[in-house]
Amino acid sequence: MTDEGKLIAEADKGVAAENALKITGEAFSELKKQLFDAWLASETRDEAGREKLWIATTQLSKVEDLLRKRVMNGRIAEREIDAIRKAAEQKKFLGVPLPLK
């Protein structure tokens, strides 16, 4: 796969991650709130239960962070693709590729 092909694949992953975040973003927020409320309502002595709530919150945040990183990587890949294509266009004169030196 060419470098541009890899960048296109990365950009596609970014678009998919952005769509997933749009769909699930509200659900992530609501679930985090529910977990926090459950933690507040838990007994201080219930260490195991409180730890499970903390782990759930942490894992949920990791999933959300992974999606956000993919979105950012996809945007960076799109910029790199644009730069590659712009550089290729600049090597043309009146639509005709210039000979390589």
C-alpha atoms as a PDB file:
ATOM      1  CA  MET A   1       0.000   0.000   0.000  1.00  0.00           C
ATOM      2  CA  THR A   2       1.324   3.426  -0.902  1.00  0.00           C
ATOM      3  CA  ASP A   3       1.855   6.180   1.621  1.00  0.00           C
ATOM      4  CA  GLU A   4      -1.171   7.963   0.191  1.00  0.00           C
ATOM      5  CA  GLY A   5      -3.154   4.736   0.483  1.00  0.00           C
ATOM      6  CA  LYS A   6      -2.193   4.442   4.152  1.00  0.00           C
ATOM      7  CA  LEU A   7      -3.177   8.050   4.716  1.00  0.00           C
ATOM      8  CA  ILE A   8      -6.533   7.485   3.031  1.00  0.00           C
ATOM      9  CA  ALA A   9      -7.153   4.452   5.260  1.00  0.00           C
ATOM     10  CA  GLU A  10      -6.236   6.544   8.329  1.00  0.00           C
ATOM     11  CA  ALA A  11      -8.533   9.355   7.188  1.00  0.00           C
ATOM     12  CA  ASP A  12     -11.373   6.848   6.711  1.00  0.00           C
ATOM     13  CA  LYS A  13     -10.844   5.529  10.250  1.00  0.00           C
ATOM     14  CA  GLY A  14     -11.002   9.094  11.503  1.00  0.00           C
ATOM     15  CA  VAL A  15     -14.317   9.727   9.760  1.00  0.00           C
ATOM     16  CA  ALA A  16     -15.738   6.494  11.176  1.00  0.00           C
ATOM     17  CA  ALA A  17     -14.547   7.411  14.678  1.00  0.00           C
ATOM     18  CA  GLU A  18     -16.055  10.891  14.368  1.00  0.00           C
ATOM     19  CA  ASN A  19     -19.388   9.387  13.334  1.00  0.00           C
ATOM     20  CA  ALA A  20     -19.223   6.956  16.252  1.00  0.00           C
ATOM     21  CA  LEU A  21     -18.550   9.831  18.656  1.00  0.00           C
ATOM     22  CA  LYS A  22     -21.508  11.779  17.270  1.00  0.00           C
ATOM     23  CA  ILE A  23     -23.766   8.787  17.839  1.00  0.00           C
ATOM     24  CA  THR A  24     -22.395   7.707  21.217  1.00  0.00           C
ATOM     25  CA  GLY A  25     -21.209  11.005  22.707  1.00  0.00           C
ATOM     26  CA  GLU A  26     -24.419  11.625  24.593  1.00  0.00           C
ATOM     27  CA  ALA A  27     -24.488   8.026  25.781  1.00  0.00           C
ATOM     28  CA  PHE A  28     -20.909   8.347  27.098  1.00  0.00           C
ATOM     29  CA  SER A  29     -21.833  11.475  29.035  1.00  0.00           C
ATOM     30  CA  GLU A  30     -24.990   9.938  30.491  1.00  0.00           C
ATOM     31  CA  LEU A  31     -23.199   6.738  31.485  1.00  0.00           C
ATOM     32  CA  LYS A  32     -20.381   8.680  33.174  1.00  0.00           C
ATOM     33  CA  LYS A  33     -22.970  10.664  35.123  1.00  0.00           C
ATOM     34  CA  GLN A  34     -24.748   7.461  36.180  1.00  0.00           C
ATOM     35  CA  LEU A  35     -21.481   5.893  37.317  1.00  0.00           C
ATOM     36  CA  PHE A  36     -20.544   9.010  39.270  1.00  0.00           C
ATOM     37  CA  ASP A  37     -23.991   9.168  40.892  1.00  0.00           C
ATOM     38  CA  ALA A  38     -23.699   5.497  41.832  1.00  0.00           C
ATOM     39  CA  TRP A  39     -20.277   6.177  43.338  1.00  0.00           C
ATOM     40  CA  LEU A  40     -21.679   9.089  45.377  1.00  0.00           C
ATOM     41  CA  ALA A  41     -24.542   6.913  46.634  1.00  0.00           C
ATOM     42  CA  SER A  42     -22.301   3.962  47.514  1.00  0.00           C
ATOM     43  CA  GLU A  43     -21.321   3.120  51.052  1.00  0.00           C
ATOM     44  CA  THR A  44     -17.870   4.264  52.085  1.00  0.00           C
ATOM     45  CA  ARG A  45     -17.129   0.751  53.350  1.00  0.00           C
ATOM     46  CA  ASP A  46     -18.030  -0.816  49.971  1.00  0.00           C
ATOM     47  CA  GLU A  47     -14.483  -0.690  48.628  1.00  0.00           C
ATOM     48  CA  ALA A  48     -15.020  -3.428  46.028  1.00  0.00           C
ATOM     49  CA  GLY A  49     -18.169  -1.791  44.642  1.00  0.00           C
ATOM     50  CA  ARG A  50     -16.549   1.646  44.514  1.00  0.00           C
ATOM     51  CA  GLU A  51     -13.486   0.200  42.808  1.00  0.00           C
ATOM     52  CA  LYS A  52     -15.669  -1.442  40.136  1.00  0.00           C
ATOM     53  CA  LEU A  53     -17.377   1.892  39.478  1.00  0.00           C
ATOM     54  CA  TRP A  54     -13.979   3.584  39.172  1.00  0.00           C
ATOM     55  CA  ILE A  55     -12.748   0.891  36.753  1.00  0.00           C
ATOM     56  CA  ALA A  56     -15.911   1.232  34.645  1.00  0.00           C
ATOM     57  CA  THR A  57     -15.491   5.005  34.476  1.00  0.00           C
ATOM     58  CA  THR A  58     -11.819   4.671  33.566  1.00  0.00           C
ATOM     59  CA  GLN A  59     -12.492   2.143  30.808  1.00  0.00           C
ATOM     60  CA  LEU A  60     -15.300   4.256  29.388  1.00  0.00           C
ATOM     61  CA  SER A  61     -12.965   7.252  29.266  1.00  0.00           C
ATOM     62  CA  LYS A  62     -10.302   5.181  27.508  1.00  0.00           C
ATOM     63  CA  VAL A  63     -12.755   4.166  24.777  1.00  0.00           C
ATOM     64  CA  GLU A  64     -13.822   7.773  24.310  1.00  0.00           C
ATOM     65  CA  ASP A  65     -10.174   8.933  24.209  1.00  0.00           C
ATOM     66  CA  LEU A  66      -9.325   6.281  21.607  1.00  0.00           C
ATOM     67  CA  LEU A  67     -12.133   7.516  19.366  1.00  0.00           C
ATOM     68  CA  ARG A  68     -11.013  11.126  19.806  1.00  0.00           C
ATOM     69  CA  LYS A  69      -7.400  10.201  18.911  1.00  0.00           C
ATOM     70  CA  ARG A  70      -8.597   8.431  15.778  1.00  0.00           C
ATOM     71  CA  VAL A  71     -10.569  11.522  14.797  1.00  0.00           C
ATOM     72  CA  MET A  72      -7.476  13.704  15.216  1.00  0.00           C
ATOM     73  CA  ASN A  73      -5.236  11.239  13.346  1.00  0.00           C
ATOM     74  CA  GLY A  74      -7.793  11.154  10.538  1.00  0.00           C
ATOM     75  CA  ARG A  75      -7.796  14.945  10.285  1.00  0.00           C
ATOM     76  CA  ILE A  76      -3.998  14.997  10.187  1.00  0.00           C
ATOM     77  CA  ALA A  77      -4.035  12.329   7.464  1.00  0.00           C
ATOM     78  CA  GLU A  78      -6.528  14.403   5.436  1.00  0.00           C
ATOM     79  CA  ARG A  79      -4.198  17.419   5.631  1.00  0.00           C
ATOM     80  CA  GLU A  80      -1.257  15.285   4.517  1.00  0.00           C
ATOM     81  CA  ILE A  81      -3.269  13.901   1.581  1.00  0.00           C
ATOM     82  CA  ASP A  82      -4.184  17.451   0.559  1.00  0.00           C
ATOM     83  CA  ALA A  83      -0.523  18.492   0.754  1.00  0.00           C
ATOM     84  CA  ILE A  84       0.566  15.517  -1.389  1.00  0.00           C
ATOM     85  CA  ARG A  85      -2.081  16.273  -4.003  1.00  0.00           C
ATOM     86  CA  LYS A  86      -1.285  19.987  -4.000  1.00  0.00           C
ATOM     87  CA  ALA A  87       2.413  19.246  -4.490  1.00  0.00           C
ATOM     88  CA  ALA A  88       1.557  16.953  -7.402  1.00  0.00           C
ATOM     89  CA  GLU A  89      -0.609  19.657  -8.992  1.00  0.00           C
ATOM     90  CA  GLN A  90       2.199  22.203  -8.701  1.00  0.00           C
ATOM     91  CA  LYS A  91       4.410  19.936 -10.828  1.00  0.00           C
ATOM     92  CA  LYS A  92       2.079  20.457 -13.786  1.00  0.00           C
ATOM     93  CA  PHE A  93       2.087  23.293 -16.277  1.00  0.00           C
ATOM     94  CA  LEU A  94      -1.242  23.910 -17.987  1.00  0.00           C
ATOM     95  CA  GLY A  95      -2.431  20.491 -16.799  1.00  0.00           C
ATOM     96  CA  VAL A  96       0.580  18.700 -18.322  1.00  0.00           C
ATOM     97  CA  PRO A  97       3.038  16.995 -15.936  1.00  0.00           C
ATOM     98  CA  LEU A  98       6.487  18.558 -16.006  1.00  0.00           C
ATOM     99  CA  PRO A  99       9.394  16.223 -16.744  1.00  0.00           C
ATOM    100  CA  LEU A 100      11.357  15.105 -13.703  1.00  0.00           C
ATOM    101  CA  LYS A 101      14.952  16.357 -13.515  1.00  0.00           C
END
